[in-house]
Amino acid sequence: MGKSLNGSGQDLHDNPKGRDRRNWAGISAALFYGSMSVASVFLNKAIFEVWRYRYPASLVAGQTVFTVLAIFTLSRFGVIKLGKFNMDHFKRVFTVSAVFQLKLVLDMSALVLVNIPMYGILKSSTTPFVMLLDYVLRKRVPAMRIQAAVWVTTVGGLVAGFGDLHFEPLGYVLALSSAACTACYVVLVGKLGDELQLDSFTLLLYNSLWSTPLSFAITILTGEVTGVMNYPHVSEAAFLAAFTMSCASAFVLNYATYLCTQLNDALTTSVVGRTKSVVQGVAGLFAFSVSWGVTNACGLTLNSVGICWYAWERYAEKRRGTRLENVRRGIGALNENFLTRNESQLTLSPKKQMNGFGLHRHPTRASESGSSSMASMNGLGGGG
């Protein structure tokens, strides 16, 4: 890519104004991702709480259909680029899609019964589940500081649950089952993505194509079809608008995750994903008039401290690892193919940058971020 020169022959990408524009773009993308991550949870909760809609599987079906239509539409107009369809790859995605679909239905079902602060706390148990699976399957043990942060988060969750004035046993079981399912999904999709080297939106398309019939099958098997047909507000414009916004939020969240990782890096996306959990929990106390006591508030605070500590340790660990890798192998190592993952999304760093949304970036900036997001594919805000 050639350099754009101003009158003095200076590279416009390297001048202070160019750097400021990149910084503002990165900050805006991070705020967009964090806002959408919180908004998607609140939109779904509003459907269940305000509209008294009790058919989570049908909402998941709507989200998967919207995602498929959005991908094909954006691809048709050249906004995103998809890889060539590969039947072998498509078949291999089925297992991941089945686990993902179960995870989403469990997510939605839990959100029907559990308030937003406790939902976020229970979902944060995904991290210890992932740690356990990593140890069992790969014999990987995280640093002691990270383990300590995770256990602070977990203890905070236990304290908050003990003081929960709206304790719903079934909701807790569903949320914890969803966390375990999310951990399985993260491990499976990490392995699959590493083997197939699929770009973000091709993997998202394959997953959605499998998820659509699966979600409709779940809707039929759970008997929700009759319930939806008899739902008293099903033909009201306001409800249909809210339902459509909830369906759209799943895909927009994927776009926000992708954009944040493109304009920043995977680490920023991970830290923002963790930080939004704290904001989501505090806002959720007031948005739906949640009753809480001192024990519940102390648990929520302890859980939030653990989340922030974990985010900081991840940040520090990544920076230390990057410096060591640059020293050991040279900066060229950043251009190799590799797949990293956390509890909310996957990140693929290809040898050739894939600007799936037509983003034009300076080569230096591309190597700094070195990644395009393997979309989180989670309609509830990033899985954590």
Foldseek 3Di string as FASTA:
>chain_A
DDFDQDPVGDGPCPDPVNVVVLVVLLVVLLVLLLVLLLVLQVLLLCLCPVQVDQQQLVLLLLLLVVQLVVLVVCVVVQQFPFDDDDPVLLVLCLVLLVLVLLLSSLLSNLSNQDFFLLLLLLLLCLAVLLQVCCCVPPVDHDDPLLVVLSVLLNVLSVLLQVFAPRDDPVSSVSSNVSSNSLSVSQVSVQVSCQVPVGDQVNSSNSSSVSNNVVSVVVCVVVPVVVVLVPRPCNPPPVSVVSSNVSSVSLNSSLVSLQSSLQSAANLSSQLSLLLSSLVSNVVSCPPSVRDGDPSNVSSSVSNNSSSNSSSVVSVVVVVVVVVVCCVVPNLVVLLPWDWDDDSFWIKTQHNDDRPRRPDDDDPVSCSNRRTGTNGRSHSNRRSD
